[in-house]
N, C-alpha and C. Protein backbone atom coordinates (compact mmCIF):
# COMPACT_ATOMS: atom_id res chain seq x y z
N UNK A 1 10.75 138.38 -99.35
CA UNK A 1 11.67 137.30 -99.13
C UNK A 1 12.61 137.62 -97.95
N UNK A 2 13.08 138.86 -97.86
CA UNK A 2 13.96 139.26 -96.77
C UNK A 2 13.24 139.13 -95.44
N UNK A 3 12.03 139.69 -95.35
CA UNK A 3 11.27 139.64 -94.10
C UNK A 3 10.94 138.21 -93.70
N UNK A 4 10.63 137.39 -94.69
CA UNK A 4 10.34 135.98 -94.41
C UNK A 4 11.56 135.28 -93.82
N UNK A 5 12.72 135.52 -94.40
CA UNK A 5 13.95 134.91 -93.89
C UNK A 5 14.27 135.46 -92.50
N UNK A 6 14.14 136.78 -92.31
CA UNK A 6 14.44 137.40 -91.01
C UNK A 6 13.53 136.86 -89.91
N UNK A 7 12.29 136.54 -90.26
CA UNK A 7 11.33 136.06 -89.28
C UNK A 7 11.66 134.67 -88.74
N UNK A 8 12.55 133.97 -89.40
CA UNK A 8 12.94 132.63 -88.95
C UNK A 8 13.89 132.68 -87.75
N UNK A 9 14.40 133.86 -87.43
CA UNK A 9 15.35 134.01 -86.33
C UNK A 9 14.67 134.62 -85.11
N UNK A 10 15.17 134.27 -83.95
CA UNK A 10 14.62 134.81 -82.71
C UNK A 10 15.09 136.24 -82.47
N UNK A 11 16.26 136.57 -82.98
CA UNK A 11 16.81 137.91 -82.77
C UNK A 11 15.94 138.98 -83.41
N UNK A 12 16.02 140.17 -82.85
CA UNK A 12 15.37 141.33 -83.46
C UNK A 12 16.25 141.77 -84.62
N UNK A 13 15.66 141.98 -85.79
CA UNK A 13 16.39 142.40 -86.97
C UNK A 13 15.93 143.80 -87.35
N UNK A 14 16.89 144.69 -87.56
CA UNK A 14 16.59 146.07 -87.93
C UNK A 14 17.33 146.41 -89.21
N UNK A 15 16.65 147.11 -90.11
CA UNK A 15 17.26 147.57 -91.35
C UNK A 15 17.15 149.09 -91.36
N UNK A 16 18.27 149.75 -91.68
CA UNK A 16 18.23 151.22 -91.72
C UNK A 16 18.93 151.72 -92.98
N UNK A 17 18.54 152.90 -93.39
CA UNK A 17 19.16 153.54 -94.55
C UNK A 17 19.89 154.81 -94.14
N UNK A 18 20.22 154.92 -92.90
CA UNK A 18 20.92 156.10 -92.38
C UNK A 18 19.98 157.12 -91.77
N UNK A 19 18.80 157.25 -92.34
CA UNK A 19 17.83 158.23 -91.85
C UNK A 19 16.73 157.58 -91.03
N UNK A 20 16.40 156.36 -91.39
CA UNK A 20 15.25 155.69 -90.79
C UNK A 20 15.60 154.23 -90.54
N UNK A 21 15.12 153.69 -89.44
CA UNK A 21 15.32 152.28 -89.11
C UNK A 21 13.97 151.62 -88.97
N UNK A 22 13.86 150.39 -89.51
CA UNK A 22 12.59 149.67 -89.46
C UNK A 22 12.81 148.23 -89.05
N UNK A 23 11.73 147.57 -88.69
CA UNK A 23 11.73 146.16 -88.33
C UNK A 23 11.97 145.32 -89.59
N UNK A 24 13.06 144.57 -89.63
CA UNK A 24 13.39 143.76 -90.78
C UNK A 24 12.50 142.56 -90.98
N UNK A 25 11.62 142.29 -90.02
CA UNK A 25 10.69 141.17 -90.14
C UNK A 25 9.33 141.61 -90.68
N UNK A 26 9.17 142.88 -90.93
CA UNK A 26 7.90 143.43 -91.40
C UNK A 26 8.01 143.85 -92.86
N UNK A 27 7.25 143.18 -93.73
CA UNK A 27 7.25 143.52 -95.15
C UNK A 27 6.82 144.97 -95.34
N UNK A 28 5.77 145.39 -94.66
CA UNK A 28 5.28 146.76 -94.81
C UNK A 28 6.33 147.78 -94.38
N UNK A 29 6.99 147.53 -93.26
CA UNK A 29 8.03 148.46 -92.79
C UNK A 29 9.17 148.55 -93.79
N UNK A 30 9.56 147.41 -94.36
CA UNK A 30 10.64 147.42 -95.35
C UNK A 30 10.22 148.20 -96.60
N UNK A 31 8.97 148.07 -97.00
CA UNK A 31 8.48 148.81 -98.16
C UNK A 31 8.49 150.31 -97.88
N UNK A 32 8.14 150.69 -96.67
CA UNK A 32 8.12 152.11 -96.30
C UNK A 32 9.52 152.71 -96.25
N UNK A 33 10.52 151.87 -96.06
CA UNK A 33 11.91 152.34 -96.05
C UNK A 33 12.30 152.84 -97.43
N UNK A 34 11.63 152.32 -98.46
CA UNK A 34 11.81 152.78 -99.85
C UNK A 34 13.26 152.73 -100.31
N UNK A 35 13.89 151.59 -100.11
CA UNK A 35 15.27 151.40 -100.55
C UNK A 35 15.26 151.11 -102.05
N UNK A 36 16.13 151.78 -102.78
CA UNK A 36 16.27 151.55 -104.22
C UNK A 36 17.66 151.01 -104.51
N UNK A 37 17.85 150.52 -105.70
CA UNK A 37 19.16 149.99 -106.09
C UNK A 37 20.24 151.05 -105.85
N UNK A 38 21.32 150.63 -105.26
CA UNK A 38 22.42 151.54 -104.98
C UNK A 38 22.36 152.20 -103.61
N UNK A 39 21.24 152.05 -102.90
CA UNK A 39 21.11 152.62 -101.57
C UNK A 39 21.89 151.76 -100.58
N UNK A 40 22.69 152.40 -99.76
CA UNK A 40 23.43 151.67 -98.73
C UNK A 40 22.53 151.49 -97.51
N UNK A 41 22.44 150.25 -97.05
CA UNK A 41 21.64 149.95 -95.87
C UNK A 41 22.51 149.30 -94.81
N UNK A 42 22.02 149.32 -93.60
CA UNK A 42 22.67 148.66 -92.48
C UNK A 42 21.69 147.67 -91.88
N UNK A 43 22.15 146.45 -91.70
CA UNK A 43 21.33 145.41 -91.08
C UNK A 43 21.94 145.10 -89.72
N UNK A 44 21.12 145.14 -88.67
CA UNK A 44 21.60 144.77 -87.34
C UNK A 44 20.68 143.69 -86.79
N UNK A 45 21.24 142.88 -85.92
CA UNK A 45 20.46 141.85 -85.24
C UNK A 45 20.87 141.84 -83.78
N UNK A 46 19.91 141.63 -82.92
CA UNK A 46 20.17 141.61 -81.49
C UNK A 46 19.41 140.45 -80.87
N UNK A 47 20.17 139.48 -80.36
CA UNK A 47 19.53 138.34 -79.72
C UNK A 47 20.42 137.12 -79.76
N UNK A 48 19.86 136.00 -79.36
CA UNK A 48 20.64 134.78 -79.18
C UNK A 48 21.21 134.20 -80.46
N UNK A 49 20.57 134.46 -81.60
CA UNK A 49 21.07 133.92 -82.87
C UNK A 49 21.45 135.05 -83.84
N UNK A 50 21.93 136.16 -83.30
CA UNK A 50 22.22 137.34 -84.11
C UNK A 50 23.28 137.10 -85.19
N UNK A 51 24.35 136.39 -84.88
CA UNK A 51 25.40 136.15 -85.87
C UNK A 51 24.86 135.31 -87.02
N UNK A 52 24.11 134.29 -86.69
CA UNK A 52 23.51 133.43 -87.72
C UNK A 52 22.54 134.23 -88.59
N UNK A 53 21.75 135.08 -87.97
CA UNK A 53 20.79 135.90 -88.71
C UNK A 53 21.51 136.84 -89.67
N UNK A 54 22.54 137.51 -89.21
CA UNK A 54 23.27 138.44 -90.07
C UNK A 54 23.93 137.72 -91.24
N UNK A 55 24.52 136.57 -90.98
CA UNK A 55 25.15 135.80 -92.06
C UNK A 55 24.12 135.39 -93.12
N UNK A 56 22.99 134.89 -92.68
CA UNK A 56 21.95 134.44 -93.61
C UNK A 56 21.37 135.60 -94.41
N UNK A 57 21.12 136.72 -93.77
CA UNK A 57 20.51 137.86 -94.45
C UNK A 57 21.49 138.53 -95.41
N UNK A 58 22.74 138.65 -95.00
CA UNK A 58 23.76 139.21 -95.89
C UNK A 58 23.94 138.31 -97.11
N UNK A 59 23.96 137.00 -96.89
CA UNK A 59 24.08 136.06 -97.99
C UNK A 59 22.91 136.16 -98.95
N UNK A 60 21.71 136.32 -98.41
CA UNK A 60 20.52 136.47 -99.24
C UNK A 60 20.64 137.70 -100.14
N UNK A 61 21.06 138.81 -99.57
CA UNK A 61 21.20 140.04 -100.36
C UNK A 61 22.30 139.90 -101.41
N UNK A 62 23.41 139.29 -101.05
CA UNK A 62 24.50 139.10 -102.01
C UNK A 62 24.06 138.23 -103.17
N UNK A 63 23.35 137.16 -102.90
CA UNK A 63 22.85 136.28 -103.96
C UNK A 63 21.82 137.01 -104.83
N UNK A 64 21.02 137.85 -104.23
CA UNK A 64 19.99 138.58 -104.96
C UNK A 64 20.59 139.55 -105.98
N UNK A 65 21.79 140.02 -105.69
CA UNK A 65 22.45 140.97 -106.57
C UNK A 65 23.56 140.33 -107.39
N UNK A 66 23.61 139.01 -107.40
CA UNK A 66 24.56 138.29 -108.22
C UNK A 66 25.99 138.36 -107.77
N UNK A 67 26.22 138.62 -106.51
CA UNK A 67 27.57 138.70 -105.97
C UNK A 67 27.85 137.46 -105.16
N UNK A 68 29.07 137.01 -105.23
CA UNK A 68 29.50 135.87 -104.41
C UNK A 68 29.68 136.34 -102.98
N UNK A 69 29.25 135.54 -101.99
CA UNK A 69 29.48 135.92 -100.59
C UNK A 69 30.97 136.11 -100.33
N UNK A 70 31.29 137.17 -99.58
CA UNK A 70 32.69 137.49 -99.32
C UNK A 70 33.09 137.00 -98.05
């Protein structure tokens, strides 16, 4: 679901866990990152719609964990 949403943006999306960074538009790359509950990640976007991409992806993650967007 994350990769599908990220793919809708023109910006390059990267997800990292501090040790490794992967393409946020690739389901396989995200699986290889092996993020588990409680793991802190960083999402970056670079491109013409980067702010919109970050807002949408952060909102997706917040909703997935039952938190209200801040």
